[in-house]
Amino acid sequence: MRFLETDEHDDPILSVVNLVDLFLVVIAVLMIVIVSNPLNPFSDKSVVVIENPGQADMRMLVKDGEELREYESSGEIGEGEGIKAGVAYRLADGRMVYVPEAPAGGASGGAASADGAAQ
C-alpha cells in the first residue's frame, strides 16, 4: 500500500534537525569572534585599543586584567611643567642622537646615540 509508506522528504522533524545544526554553527562562529576580540572579558591580558587615532574624536580603551578604562580626546593641546632636557638629531643613516644639556653649574657630558655608543 502506497499510503502507508513514509516519505523522508515530507518529514517535518528533519527540517527542525537541520535548523538546530544551523544554529549550532552560528553559535560556534560567535564564540570564535568573542575569543578573538582583544577586549575579551575572559582574558587576563593588558590591551590598549585606539579608535580614530589623530582625529578629534579619538578614544582609547585600556584593559588591564578585568579593569576597563576609557579615555576620550578633549581636542585641547596639553600643557605641562618641565625644562628642556636636551636636543635630539636624526643622522643621514636614520639613527637618532640625543645630546643632553649640561646642568646649570656642571661640565658638559658626552652625547649618547641610538645604538648606545658615547661620542
PDB file of N, CA and C in Angstrom:
ATOM      1  N   MET A   1       0.820  -1.176   0.000  1.00  0.00           N
ATOM      2  CA  MET A   1       0.000   0.000   0.000  1.00  0.00           C
ATOM      3  C   MET A   1       0.868   1.244   0.000  1.00  0.00           C
ATOM      4  N   ARG A   2       0.543   2.073  -0.894  1.00  0.00           N
ATOM      5  CA  ARG A   2       1.341   3.265  -1.104  1.00  0.00           C
ATOM      6  C   ARG A   2       1.086   4.330  -0.032  1.00  0.00           C
ATOM      7  N   PHE A   3      -0.078   4.384   0.530  1.00  0.00           N
ATOM      8  CA  PHE A   3      -0.414   5.416   1.512  1.00  0.00           C
ATOM      9  C   PHE A   3       0.261   5.178   2.864  1.00  0.00           C
ATOM     10  N   LEU A   4       0.614   3.958   3.167  1.00  0.00           N
ATOM     11  CA  LEU A   4       1.232   3.640   4.448  1.00  0.00           C
ATOM     12  C   LEU A   4       2.742   3.842   4.442  1.00  0.00           C
ATOM     13  N   GLU A   5       3.348   3.986   3.297  1.00  0.00           N
ATOM     14  CA  GLU A   5       4.791   4.213   3.220  1.00  0.00           C
ATOM     15  C   GLU A   5       5.089   5.662   3.613  1.00  0.00           C
ATOM     16  N   THR A   6       6.164   5.857   4.336  1.00  0.00           N
ATOM     17  CA  THR A   6       6.543   7.216   4.732  1.00  0.00           C
ATOM     18  C   THR A   6       7.574   7.761   3.763  1.00  0.00           C
ATOM     19  N   ASP A   7       7.409   8.989   3.433  1.00  0.00           N
ATOM     20  CA  ASP A   7       8.356   9.649   2.538  1.00  0.00           C
ATOM     21  C   ASP A   7       9.269  10.531   3.387  1.00  0.00           C
ATOM     22  N   GLU A   8      10.560  10.322   3.279  1.00  0.00           N
ATOM     23  CA  GLU A   8      11.502  11.054   4.134  1.00  0.00           C
ATOM     24  C   GLU A   8      11.547  12.542   3.820  1.00  0.00           C
ATOM     25  N   HIS A   9      11.207  12.914   2.624  1.00  0.00           N
ATOM     26  CA  HIS A   9      11.267  14.325   2.249  1.00  0.00           C
ATOM     27  C   HIS A   9      10.142  15.150   2.877  1.00  0.00           C
ATOM     28  N   ASP A  10       9.100  14.521   3.313  1.00  0.00           N
ATOM     29  CA  ASP A  10       7.969  15.230   3.909  1.00  0.00           C
ATOM     30  C   ASP A  10       7.982  15.208   5.435  1.00  0.00           C
ATOM     31  N   ASP A  11       9.035  14.671   6.029  1.00  0.00           N
ATOM     32  CA  ASP A  11       9.101  14.549   7.492  1.00  0.00           C
ATOM     33  C   ASP A  11       9.482  15.907   8.099  1.00  0.00           C
ATOM     34  N   PRO A  12       8.614  16.563   8.898  1.00  0.00           N
ATOM     35  CA  PRO A  12       8.924  17.879   9.462  1.00  0.00           C
ATOM     36  C   PRO A  12      10.040  17.849  10.506  1.00  0.00           C
ATOM     37  N   ILE A  13      10.294  16.704  11.123  1.00  0.00           N
ATOM     38  CA  ILE A  13      11.358  16.607  12.120  1.00  0.00           C
ATOM     39  C   ILE A  13      12.733  16.812  11.477  1.00  0.00           C
ATOM     40  N   LEU A  14      12.905  16.376  10.234  1.00  0.00           N
ATOM     41  CA  LEU A  14      14.190  16.535   9.558  1.00  0.00           C
ATOM     42  C   LEU A  14      14.533  18.006   9.337  1.00  0.00           C
ATOM     43  N   SER A  15      13.565  18.824   9.022  1.00  0.00           N
ATOM     44  CA  SER A  15      13.848  20.247   8.835  1.00  0.00           C
ATOM     45  C   SER A  15      14.169  20.914  10.178  1.00  0.00           C
ATOM     46  N   VAL A  16      13.561  20.458  11.270  1.00  0.00           N
ATOM     47  CA  VAL A  16      13.887  21.000  12.596  1.00  0.00           C
ATOM     48  C   VAL A  16      15.319  20.628  12.969  1.00  0.00           C
ATOM     49  N   VAL A  17      15.730  19.407  12.646  1.00  0.00           N
ATOM     50  CA  VAL A  17      17.098  18.983  12.929  1.00  0.00           C
ATOM     51  C   VAL A  17      18.088  19.817  12.125  1.00  0.00           C
ATOM     52  N   ASN A  18      17.752  20.144  10.892  1.00  0.00           N
ATOM     53  CA  ASN A  18      18.629  20.992  10.082  1.00  0.00           C
ATOM     54  C   ASN A  18      18.735  22.391  10.672  1.00  0.00           C
ATOM     55  N   LEU A  19      17.651  22.927  11.215  1.00  0.00           N
ATOM     56  CA  LEU A  19      17.701  24.246  11.855  1.00  0.00           C
ATOM     57  C   LEU A  19      18.574  24.214  13.107  1.00  0.00           C
ATOM     58  N   VAL A  20      18.494  23.155  13.881  1.00  0.00           N
ATOM     59  CA  VAL A  20      19.333  23.019  15.069  1.00  0.00           C
ATOM     60  C   VAL A  20      20.802  22.980  14.665  1.00  0.00           C
ATOM     61  N   ASP A  21      21.133  22.262  13.600  1.00  0.00           N
ATOM     62  CA  ASP A  21      22.506  22.225  13.114  1.00  0.00           C
ATOM     63  C   ASP A  21      22.970  23.616  12.679  1.00  0.00           C
ATOM     64  N   LEU A  22      22.114  24.350  12.011  1.00  0.00           N
ATOM     65  CA  LEU A  22      22.459  25.695  11.575  1.00  0.00           C
ATOM     66  C   LEU A  22      22.730  26.608  12.772  1.00  0.00           C
ATOM     67  N   PHE A  23      21.902  26.534  13.801  1.00  0.00           N
ATOM     68  CA  PHE A  23      22.106  27.363  14.986  1.00  0.00           C
ATOM     69  C   PHE A  23      23.388  26.983  15.720  1.00  0.00           C
ATOM     70  N   LEU A  24      23.737  25.715  15.733  1.00  0.00           N
ATOM     71  CA  LEU A  24      24.996  25.301  16.355  1.00  0.00           C
ATOM     72  C   LEU A  24      26.196  25.898  15.633  1.00  0.00           C
ATOM     73  N   VAL A  25      26.138  25.963  14.318  1.00  0.00           N
ATOM     74  CA  VAL A  25      27.224  26.572  13.540  1.00  0.00           C
ATOM     75  C   VAL A  25      27.301  28.065  13.830  1.00  0.00           C
ATOM     76  N   VAL A  26      26.162  28.741  13.899  1.00  0.00           N
ATOM     77  CA  VAL A  26      26.150  30.182  14.198  1.00  0.00           C
ATOM     78  C   VAL A  26      26.713  30.444  15.584  1.00  0.00           C
ATOM     79  N   ILE A  27      26.356  29.644  16.559  1.00  0.00           N
ATOM     80  CA  ILE A  27      26.874  29.810  17.920  1.00  0.00           C
ATOM     81  C   ILE A  27      28.382  29.584  17.948  1.00  0.00           C
ATOM     82  N   ALA A  28      28.879  28.607  17.220  1.00  0.00           N
ATOM     83  CA  ALA A  28      30.323  28.351  17.174  1.00  0.00           C
ATOM     84  C   ALA A  28      31.064  29.531  16.569  1.00  0.00           C
ATOM     85  N   VAL A  29      30.525  30.120  15.509  1.00  0.00           N
ATOM     86  CA  VAL A  29      31.171  31.292  14.886  1.00  0.00           C
ATOM     87  C   VAL A  29      31.175  32.467  15.853  1.00  0.00           C
ATOM     88  N   LEU A  30      30.083  32.697  16.570  1.00  0.00           N
ATOM     89  CA  LEU A  30      30.035  33.796  17.539  1.00  0.00           C
ATOM     90  C   LEU A  30      31.031  33.585  18.677  1.00  0.00           C
ATOM     91  N   MET A  31      31.201  32.354  19.131  1.00  0.00           N
ATOM     92  CA  MET A  31      32.181  32.068  20.184  1.00  0.00           C
ATOM     93  C   MET A  31      33.601  32.356  19.700  1.00  0.00           C
ATOM     94  N   ILE A  32      33.904  32.025  18.454  1.00  0.00           N
ATOM     95  CA  ILE A  32      35.232  32.308  17.895  1.00  0.00           C
ATOM     96  C   ILE A  32      35.459  33.807  17.824  1.00  0.00           C
ATOM     97  N   VAL A  33      34.432  34.564  17.446  1.00  0.00           N
ATOM     98  CA  VAL A  33      34.559  36.034  17.379  1.00  0.00           C
ATOM     99  C   VAL A  33      34.802  36.611  18.768  1.00  0.00           C
ATOM    100  N   ILE A  34      34.127  36.121  19.777  1.00  0.00           N
ATOM    101  CA  ILE A  34      34.307  36.624  21.145  1.00  0.00           C
ATOM    102  C   ILE A  34      35.710  36.323  21.652  1.00  0.00           C
ATOM    103  N   VAL A  35      36.207  35.127  21.388  1.00  0.00           N
ATOM    104  CA  VAL A  35      37.537  34.750  21.878  1.00  0.00           C
ATOM    105  C   VAL A  35      38.632  35.532  21.166  1.00  0.00           C
ATOM    106  N   SER A  36      38.444  35.851  19.880  1.00  0.00           N
ATOM    107  CA  SER A  36      39.484  36.564  19.140  1.00  0.00           C
ATOM    108  C   SER A  36      39.451  38.072  19.362  1.00  0.00           C
ATOM    109  N   ASN A  37      38.441  38.595  20.024  1.00  0.00           N
ATOM    110  CA  ASN A  37      38.335  40.026  20.310  1.00  0.00           C
ATOM    111  C   ASN A  37      39.396  40.423  21.338  1.00  0.00           C
ATOM    112  N   PRO A  38      40.169  41.494  21.079  1.00  0.00           N
ATOM    113  CA  PRO A  38      41.193  41.890  22.052  1.00  0.00           C
ATOM    114  C   PRO A  38      40.632  42.325  23.400  1.00  0.00           C
ATOM    115  N   LEU A  39      39.406  42.773  23.442  1.00  0.00           N
ATOM    116  CA  LEU A  39      38.782  43.183  24.702  1.00  0.00           C
ATOM    117  C   LEU A  39      37.948  42.054  25.300  1.00  0.00           C
ATOM    118  N   ASN A  40      38.337  40.833  25.021  1.00  0.00           N
ATOM    119  CA  ASN A  40      37.655  39.640  25.514  1.00  0.00           C
ATOM    120  C   ASN A  40      37.533  39.705  27.037  1.00  0.00           C
ATOM    121  N   PRO A  41      36.331  39.582  27.585  1.00  0.00           N
ATOM    122  CA  PRO A  41      36.177  39.669  29.043  1.00  0.00           C
ATOM    123  C   PRO A  41      36.782  38.491  29.789  1.00  0.00           C
ATOM    124  N   PHE A  42      37.100  37.402  29.103  1.00  0.00           N
ATOM    125  CA  PHE A  42      37.645  36.217  29.756  1.00  0.00           C
ATOM    126  C   PHE A  42      39.171  36.191  29.716  1.00  0.00           C
ATOM    127  N   SER A  43      39.802  37.215  29.159  1.00  0.00           N
ATOM    128  CA  SER A  43      41.262  37.269  29.037  1.00  0.00           C
ATOM    129  C   SER A  43      41.847  38.124  30.154  1.00  0.00           C
ATOM    130  N   ASP A  44      43.032  37.728  30.643  1.00  0.00           N
ATOM    131  CA  ASP A  44      43.714  38.498  31.679  1.00  0.00           C
ATOM    132  C   ASP A  44      44.808  39.396  31.104  1.00  0.00           C
ATOM    133  N   LYS A  45      44.910  39.498  29.799  1.00  0.00           N
ATOM    134  CA  LYS A  45      45.964  40.282  29.152  1.00  0.00           C
ATOM    135  C   LYS A  45      45.675  41.775  29.271  1.00  0.00           C
ATOM    136  N   SER A  46      46.748  42.573  29.210  1.00  0.00           N
ATOM    137  CA  SER A  46      46.611  44.024  29.169  1.00  0.00           C
ATOM    138  C   SER A  46      46.581  44.451  27.703  1.00  0.00           C
ATOM    139  N   VAL A  47      45.560  45.233  27.331  1.00  0.00           N
ATOM    140  CA  VAL A  47      45.362  45.618  25.938  1.00  0.00           C
ATOM    141  C   VAL A  47      45.023  47.097  25.884  1.00  0.00           C
ATOM    142  N   VAL A  48      45.557  47.788  24.848  1.00  0.00           N
ATOM    143  CA  VAL A  48      45.192  49.181  24.575  1.00  0.00           C
ATOM    144  C   VAL A  48      44.631  49.227  23.162  1.00  0.00           C
ATOM    145  N   VAL A  49      43.404  49.723  23.006  1.00  0.00           N
ATOM    146  CA  VAL A  49      42.769  49.856  21.698  1.00  0.00           C
ATOM    147  C   VAL A  49      42.562  51.343  21.454  1.00  0.00           C
ATOM    148  N   ILE A  50      43.072  51.831  20.307  1.00  0.00           N
ATOM    149  CA  ILE A  50      42.930  53.246  19.956  1.00  0.00           C
ATOM    150  C   ILE A  50      41.991  53.347  18.763  1.00  0.00           C
ATOM    151  N   GLU A  51      40.910  54.073  18.925  1.00  0.00           N
ATOM    152  CA  GLU A  51      39.943  54.287  17.854  1.00  0.00           C
ATOM    153  C   GLU A  51      40.149  55.683  17.285  1.00  0.00           C
ATOM    154  N   ASN A  52      40.139  55.824  15.988  1.00  0.00           N
ATOM    155  CA  ASN A  52      40.302  57.091  15.271  1.00  0.00           C
ATOM    156  C   ASN A  52      41.573  57.823  15.708  1.00  0.00           C
ATOM    157  N   PRO A  53      42.768  57.215  15.542  1.00  0.00           N
ATOM    158  CA  PRO A  53      43.994  57.877  16.010  1.00  0.00           C
ATOM    159  C   PRO A  53      44.262  59.185  15.266  1.00  0.00           C
ATOM    160  N   GLY A  54      44.599  60.209  16.022  1.00  0.00           N
ATOM    161  CA  GLY A  54      44.927  61.512  15.466  1.00  0.00           C
ATOM    162  C   GLY A  54      43.725  62.366  15.102  1.00  0.00           C
ATOM    163  N   GLN A  55      42.526  61.861  15.269  1.00  0.00           N
ATOM    164  CA  GLN A  55      41.322  62.620  14.931  1.00  0.00           C
ATOM    165  C   GLN A  55      40.804  63.340  16.171  1.00  0.00           C
ATOM    166  N   ALA A  56      39.868  64.236  15.958  1.00  0.00           N
ATOM    167  CA  ALA A  56      39.299  64.993  17.076  1.00  0.00           C
ATOM    168  C   ALA A  56      38.468  64.111  18.001  1.00  0.00           C
ATOM    169  N   ASP A  57      37.909  63.022  17.458  1.00  0.00           N
ATOM    170  CA  ASP A  57      37.077  62.142  18.284  1.00  0.00           C
ATOM    171  C   ASP A  57      37.819  60.854  18.674  1.00  0.00           C
ATOM    172  N   MET A  58      39.122  60.947  18.864  1.00  0.00           N
ATOM    173  CA  MET A  58      39.938  59.784  19.222  1.00  0.00           C
ATOM    174  C   MET A  58      39.547  59.258  20.603  1.00  0.00           C
ATOM    175  N   ARG A  59      39.498  57.912  20.727  1.00  0.00           N
ATOM    176  CA  ARG A  59      39.206  57.262  22.001  1.00  0.00           C
ATOM    177  C   ARG A  59      40.251  56.197  22.261  1.00  0.00           C
ATOM    178  N   MET A  60      40.583  56.006  23.524  1.00  0.00           N
ATOM    179  CA  MET A  60      41.488  54.936  23.929  1.00  0.00           C
ATOM    180  C   MET A  60      40.771  54.066  24.943  1.00  0.00           C
ATOM    181  N   LEU A  61      40.799  52.757  24.711  1.00  0.00           N
ATOM    182  CA  LEU A  61      40.275  51.800  25.670  1.00  0.00           C
ATOM    183  C   LEU A  61      41.462  51.038  26.235  1.00  0.00           C
ATOM    184  N   VAL A  62      41.606  51.047  27.560  1.00  0.00           N
ATOM    185  CA  VAL A  62      42.709  50.366  28.226  1.00  0.00           C
ATOM    186  C   VAL A  62      42.119  49.266  29.086  1.00  0.00           C
ATOM    187  N   LYS A  63      42.494  48.025  28.780  1.00  0.00           N
ATOM    188  CA  LYS A  63      42.029  46.876  29.551  1.00  0.00           C
ATOM    189  C   LYS A  63      43.227  46.304  30.279  1.00  0.00           C
ATOM    190  N   ASP A  64      43.178  46.355  31.597  1.00  0.00           N
ATOM    191  CA  ASP A  64      44.251  45.835  32.434  1.00  0.00           C
ATOM    192  C   ASP A  64      43.643  44.772  33.336  1.00  0.00           C
ATOM    193  N   GLY A  65      43.800  43.504  32.936  1.00  0.00           N
ATOM    194  CA  GLY A  65      43.165  42.418  33.683  1.00  0.00           C
ATOM    195  C   GLY A  65      41.665  42.482  33.498  1.00  0.00           C
ATOM    196  N   GLU A  66      40.928  42.669  34.574  1.00  0.00           N
ATOM    197  CA  GLU A  66      39.469  42.772  34.486  1.00  0.00           C
ATOM    198  C   GLU A  66      38.978  44.210  34.466  1.00  0.00           C
ATOM    199  N   GLU A  67      39.883  45.167  34.636  1.00  0.00           N
ATOM    200  CA  GLU A  67      39.510  46.587  34.670  1.00  0.00           C
ATOM    201  C   GLU A  67      39.552  47.167  33.265  1.00  0.00           C
ATOM    202  N   LEU A  68      38.504  47.897  32.868  1.00  0.00           N
ATOM    203  CA  LEU A  68      38.411  48.532  31.560  1.00  0.00           C
ATOM    204  C   LEU A  68      38.194  50.025  31.765  1.00  0.00           C
ATOM    205  N   ARG A  69      39.142  50.833  31.240  1.00  0.00           N
ATOM    206  CA  ARG A  69      39.035  52.292  31.347  1.00  0.00           C
ATOM    207  C   ARG A  69      38.934  52.880  29.953  1.00  0.00           C
ATOM    208  N   GLU A  70      38.233  53.994  29.837  1.00  0.00           N
ATOM    209  CA  GLU A  70      38.055  54.669  28.556  1.00  0.00           C
ATOM    210  C   GLU A  70      38.526  56.112  28.680  1.00  0.00           C
ATOM    211  N   TYR A  71      39.346  56.530  27.722  1.00  0.00           N
ATOM    212  CA  TYR A  71      39.815  57.908  27.665  1.00  0.00           C
ATOM    213  C   TYR A  71      39.353  58.501  26.344  1.00  0.00           C
ATOM    214  N   GLU A  72      38.817  59.723  26.397  1.00  0.00           N
ATOM    215  CA  GLU A  72      38.381  60.410  25.185  1.00  0.00           C
ATOM    216  C   GLU A  72      39.192  61.679  25.006  1.00  0.00           C
ATOM    217  N   SER A  73      39.474  62.009  23.762  1.00  0.00           N
ATOM    218  CA  SER A  73      40.218  63.219  23.451  1.00  0.00           C
ATOM    219  C   SER A  73      39.320  64.435  23.648  1.00  0.00           C
ATOM    220  N   SER A  74      39.874  65.449  24.307  1.00  0.00           N
ATOM    221  CA  SER A  74      39.106  66.677  24.508  1.00  0.00           C
ATOM    222  C   SER A  74      39.369  67.678  23.390  1.00  0.00           C
ATOM    223  N   GLY A  75      40.379  67.396  22.559  1.00  0.00           N
ATOM    224  CA  GLY A  75      40.700  68.301  21.465  1.00  0.00           C
ATOM    225  C   GLY A  75      41.601  69.454  21.874  1.00  0.00           C
ATOM    226  N   GLU A  76      41.898  69.579  23.162  1.00  0.00           N
ATOM    227  CA  GLU A  76      42.756  70.657  23.636  1.00  0.00           C
ATOM    228  C   GLU A  76      44.212  70.213  23.602  1.00  0.00           C
ATOM    229  N   ILE A  77      45.109  71.153  23.449  1.00  0.00           N
ATOM    230  CA  ILE A  77      46.532  70.865  23.455  1.00  0.00           C
ATOM    231  C   ILE A  77      47.000  70.772  24.896  1.00  0.00           C
ATOM    232  N   GLY A  78      47.737  69.724  25.186  1.00  0.00           N
ATOM    233  CA  GLY A  78      48.217  69.530  26.549  1.00  0.00           C
ATOM    234  C   GLY A  78      49.332  70.504  26.905  1.00  0.00           C
ATOM    235  N   GLU A  79      49.453  70.782  28.176  1.00  0.00           N
ATOM    236  CA  GLU A  79      50.461  71.704  28.650  1.00  0.00           C
ATOM    237  C   GLU A  79      50.953  71.187  29.983  1.00  0.00           C
ATOM    238  N   GLY A  80      52.245  71.265  30.207  1.00  0.00           N
ATOM    239  CA  GLY A  80      52.779  70.790  31.467  1.00  0.00           C
ATOM    240  C   GLY A  80      53.968  71.614  31.907  1.00  0.00           C
ATOM    241  N   GLU A  81      54.516  71.242  33.029  1.00  0.00           N
ATOM    242  CA  GLU A  81      55.676  71.941  33.555  1.00  0.00           C
ATOM    243  C   GLU A  81      56.902  71.087  33.317  1.00  0.00           C
ATOM    244  N   GLY A  82      58.014  71.703  33.048  1.00  0.00           N
ATOM    245  CA  GLY A  82      59.246  70.963  32.836  1.00  0.00           C
ATOM    246  C   GLY A  82      60.310  71.880  32.249  1.00  0.00           C
ATOM    247  N   ILE A  83      61.478  71.306  32.050  1.00  0.00           N
ATOM    248  CA  ILE A  83      62.582  72.058  31.469  1.00  0.00           C
ATOM    249  C   ILE A  83      63.119  71.286  30.284  1.00  0.00           C
ATOM    250  N   LYS A  84      63.814  71.973  29.419  1.00  0.00           N
ATOM    251  CA  LYS A  84      64.414  71.340  28.255  1.00  0.00           C
ATOM    252  C   LYS A  84      65.545  70.438  28.723  1.00  0.00           C
ATOM    253  N   ALA A  85      65.510  69.172  28.309  1.00  0.00           N
ATOM    254  CA  ALA A  85      66.497  68.202  28.780  1.00  0.00           C
ATOM    255  C   ALA A  85      67.629  68.008  27.791  1.00  0.00           C
ATOM    256  N   GLY A  86      67.457  68.419  26.572  1.00  0.00           N
ATOM    257  CA  GLY A  86      68.497  68.229  25.568  1.00  0.00           C
ATOM    258  C   GLY A  86      67.916  68.370  24.177  1.00  0.00           C
ATOM    259  N   VAL A  87      68.718  67.943  23.200  1.00  0.00           N
ATOM    260  CA  VAL A  87      68.323  68.062  21.804  1.00  0.00           C
ATOM    261  C   VAL A  87      68.537  66.708  21.138  1.00  0.00           C
ATOM    262  N   ALA A  88      67.614  66.316  20.266  1.00  0.00           N
ATOM    263  CA  ALA A  88      67.754  65.075  19.505  1.00  0.00           C
ATOM    264  C   ALA A  88      67.970  65.426  18.040  1.00  0.00           C
ATOM    265  N   TYR A  89      68.915  64.721  17.403  1.00  0.00           N
ATOM    266  CA  TYR A  89      69.229  64.927  15.990  1.00  0.00           C
ATOM    267  C   TYR A  89      69.065  63.607  15.250  1.00  0.00           C
ATOM    268  N   ARG A  90      68.545  63.665  14.018  1.00  0.00           N
ATOM    269  CA  ARG A  90      68.463  62.483  13.160  1.00  0.00           C
ATOM    270  C   ARG A  90      69.624  62.542  12.178  1.00  0.00           C
ATOM    271  N   LEU A  91      70.439  61.488  12.151  1.00  0.00           N
ATOM    272  CA  LEU A  91      71.570  61.404  11.241  1.00  0.00           C
ATOM    273  C   LEU A  91      71.101  60.985   9.851  1.00  0.00           C
ATOM    274  N   ALA A  92      71.980  61.105   8.863  1.00  0.00           N
ATOM    275  CA  ALA A  92      71.634  60.774   7.480  1.00  0.00           C
ATOM    276  C   ALA A  92      71.265  59.304   7.322  1.00  0.00           C
ATOM    277  N   ASP A  93      71.846  58.428   8.144  1.00  0.00           N
ATOM    278  CA  ASP A  93      71.538  56.999   8.040  1.00  0.00           C
ATOM    279  C   ASP A  93      70.284  56.603   8.823  1.00  0.00           C
ATOM    280  N   GLY A  94      69.583  57.549   9.439  1.00  0.00           N
ATOM    281  CA  GLY A  94      68.334  57.279  10.126  1.00  0.00           C
ATOM    282  C   GLY A  94      68.469  57.131  11.632  1.00  0.00           C
ATOM    283  N   ARG A  95      69.703  57.034  12.155  1.00  0.00           N
ATOM    284  CA  ARG A  95      69.877  56.903  13.603  1.00  0.00           C
ATOM    285  C   ARG A  95      69.567  58.230  14.288  1.00  0.00           C
ATOM    286  N   MET A  96      69.164  58.135  15.533  1.00  0.00           N
ATOM    287  CA  MET A  96      68.881  59.325  16.330  1.00  0.00           C
ATOM    288  C   MET A  96      69.999  59.512  17.340  1.00  0.00           C
ATOM    289  N   VAL A  97      70.425  60.764  17.522  1.00  0.00           N
ATOM    290  CA  VAL A  97      71.452  61.103  18.507  1.00  0.00           C
ATOM    291  C   VAL A  97      70.834  62.098  19.475  1.00  0.00           C
ATOM    292  N   TYR A  98      70.950  61.796  20.770  1.00  0.00           N
ATOM    293  CA  TYR A  98      70.427  62.675  21.810  1.00  0.00           C
ATOM    294  C   TYR A  98      71.601  63.345  22.492  1.00  0.00           C
ATOM    295  N   VAL A  99      71.567  64.671  22.564  1.00  0.00           N
ATOM    296  CA  VAL A  99      72.608  65.444  23.229  1.00  0.00           C
ATOM    297  C   VAL A  99      71.984  66.103  24.444  1.00  0.00           C
ATOM    298  N   PRO A 100      72.302  65.584  25.649  1.00  0.00           N
ATOM    299  CA  PRO A 100      71.715  66.199  26.848  1.00  0.00           C
ATOM    300  C   PRO A 100      72.346  67.554  27.123  1.00  0.00           C
ATOM    301  N   GLU A 101      71.560  68.457  27.711  1.00  0.00           N
ATOM    302  CA  GLU A 101      72.083  69.757  28.090  1.00  0.00           C
ATOM    303  C   GLU A 101      72.811  69.625  29.415  1.00  0.00           C
ATOM    304  N   ALA A 102      73.872  70.406  29.555  1.00  0.00           N
ATOM    305  CA  ALA A 102      74.649  70.384  30.793  1.00  0.00           C
ATOM    306  C   ALA A 102      73.842  71.055  31.901  1.00  0.00           C
ATOM    307  N   PRO A 103      73.957  70.546  33.133  1.00  0.00           N
ATOM    308  CA  PRO A 103      73.302  71.232  34.256  1.00  0.00           C
ATOM    309  C   PRO A 103      73.842  72.655  34.388  1.00  0.00           C
ATOM    310  N   ALA A 104      73.146  73.496  35.116  1.00  0.00           N
ATOM    311  CA  ALA A 104      73.472  74.921  35.200  1.00  0.00           C
ATOM    312  C   ALA A 104      74.895  75.181  35.670  1.00  0.00           C
ATOM    313  N   GLY A 105      75.463  74.375  36.542  1.00  0.00           N
ATOM    314  CA  GLY A 105      76.794  74.656  37.043  1.00  0.00           C
ATOM    315  C   GLY A 105      77.808  73.579  36.704  1.00  0.00           C
ATOM    316  N   GLY A 106      77.447  72.583  35.915  1.00  0.00           N
ATOM    317  CA  GLY A 106      78.335  71.461  35.673  1.00  0.00           C
ATOM    318  C   GLY A 106      78.991  71.503  34.318  1.00  0.00           C
ATOM    319  N   ALA A 107      79.905  70.551  34.117  1.00  0.00           N
ATOM    320  CA  ALA A 107      80.600  70.425  32.849  1.00  0.00           C
ATOM    321  C   ALA A 107      79.689  69.690  31.871  1.00  0.00           C
ATOM    322  N   SER A 108      79.962  69.879  30.572  1.00  0.00           N
ATOM    323  CA  SER A 108      79.124  69.215  29.576  1.00  0.00           C
ATOM    324  C   SER A 108      79.512  67.750  29.490  1.00  0.00           C
ATOM    325  N   GLY A 109      78.515  66.911  29.306  1.00  0.00           N
ATOM    326  CA  GLY A 109      78.745  65.461  29.201  1.00  0.00           C
ATOM    327  C   GLY A 109      78.817  65.046  27.755  1.00  0.00           C
ATOM    328  N   GLY A 110      79.068  63.760  27.536  1.00  0.00           N
ATOM    329  CA  GLY A 110      79.121  63.214  26.182  1.00  0.00           C
ATOM    330  C   GLY A 110      77.728  62.987  25.646  1.00  0.00           C
ATOM    331  N   ALA A 111      77.664  62.771  24.339  1.00  0.00           N
ATOM    332  CA  ALA A 111      76.387  62.516  23.696  1.00  0.00           C
ATOM    333  C   ALA A 111      76.195  61.013  23.520  1.00  0.00           C
ATOM    334  N   ALA A 112      75.006  60.547  23.740  1.00  0.00           N
ATOM    335  CA  ALA A 112      74.697  59.112  23.549  1.00  0.00           C
ATOM    336  C   ALA A 112      73.852  58.970  22.301  1.00  0.00           C
ATOM    337  N   SER A 113      74.242  58.058  21.428  1.00  0.00           N
ATOM    338  CA  SER A 113      73.474  57.845  20.193  1.00  0.00           C
ATOM    339  C   SER A 113      72.465  56.741  20.414  1.00  0.00           C
ATOM    340  N   ALA A 114      71.667  56.498  19.368  1.00  0.00           N
ATOM    341  CA  ALA A 114      70.615  55.496  19.462  1.00  0.00           C
ATOM    342  C   ALA A 114      71.164  54.094  19.652  1.00  0.00           C
ATOM    343  N   ASP A 115      72.391  53.829  19.179  1.00  0.00           N
ATOM    344  CA  ASP A 115      72.934  52.493  19.348  1.00  0.00           C
ATOM    345  C   ASP A 115      73.708  52.353  20.660  1.00  0.00           C
ATOM    346  N   GLY A 116      73.681  53.361  21.513  1.00  0.00           N
ATOM    347  CA  GLY A 116      74.236  53.259  22.855  1.00  0.00           C
ATOM    348  C   GLY A 116      75.693  53.674  22.953  1.00  0.00           C
ATOM    349  N   ALA A 117      76.335  54.053  21.871  1.00  0.00           N
ATOM    350  CA  ALA A 117      77.749  54.431  21.918  1.00  0.00           C
ATOM    351  C   ALA A 117      77.875  55.883  22.334  1.00  0.00           C
ATOM    352  N   ALA A 118      78.896  56.183  23.102  1.00  0.00           N
ATOM    353  CA  ALA A 118      79.153  57.553  23.529  1.00  0.00           C
ATOM    354  C   ALA A 118      80.081  58.212  22.523  1.00  0.00           C
ATOM    355  N   GLN A 119      79.874  59.487  22.259  1.00  0.00           N
ATOM    356  CA  GLN A 119      80.739  60.206  21.312  1.00  0.00           C
ATOM    357  C   GLN A 119      81.628  61.166  22.059  1.00  0.00           C
TER     358      GLN A 119
END
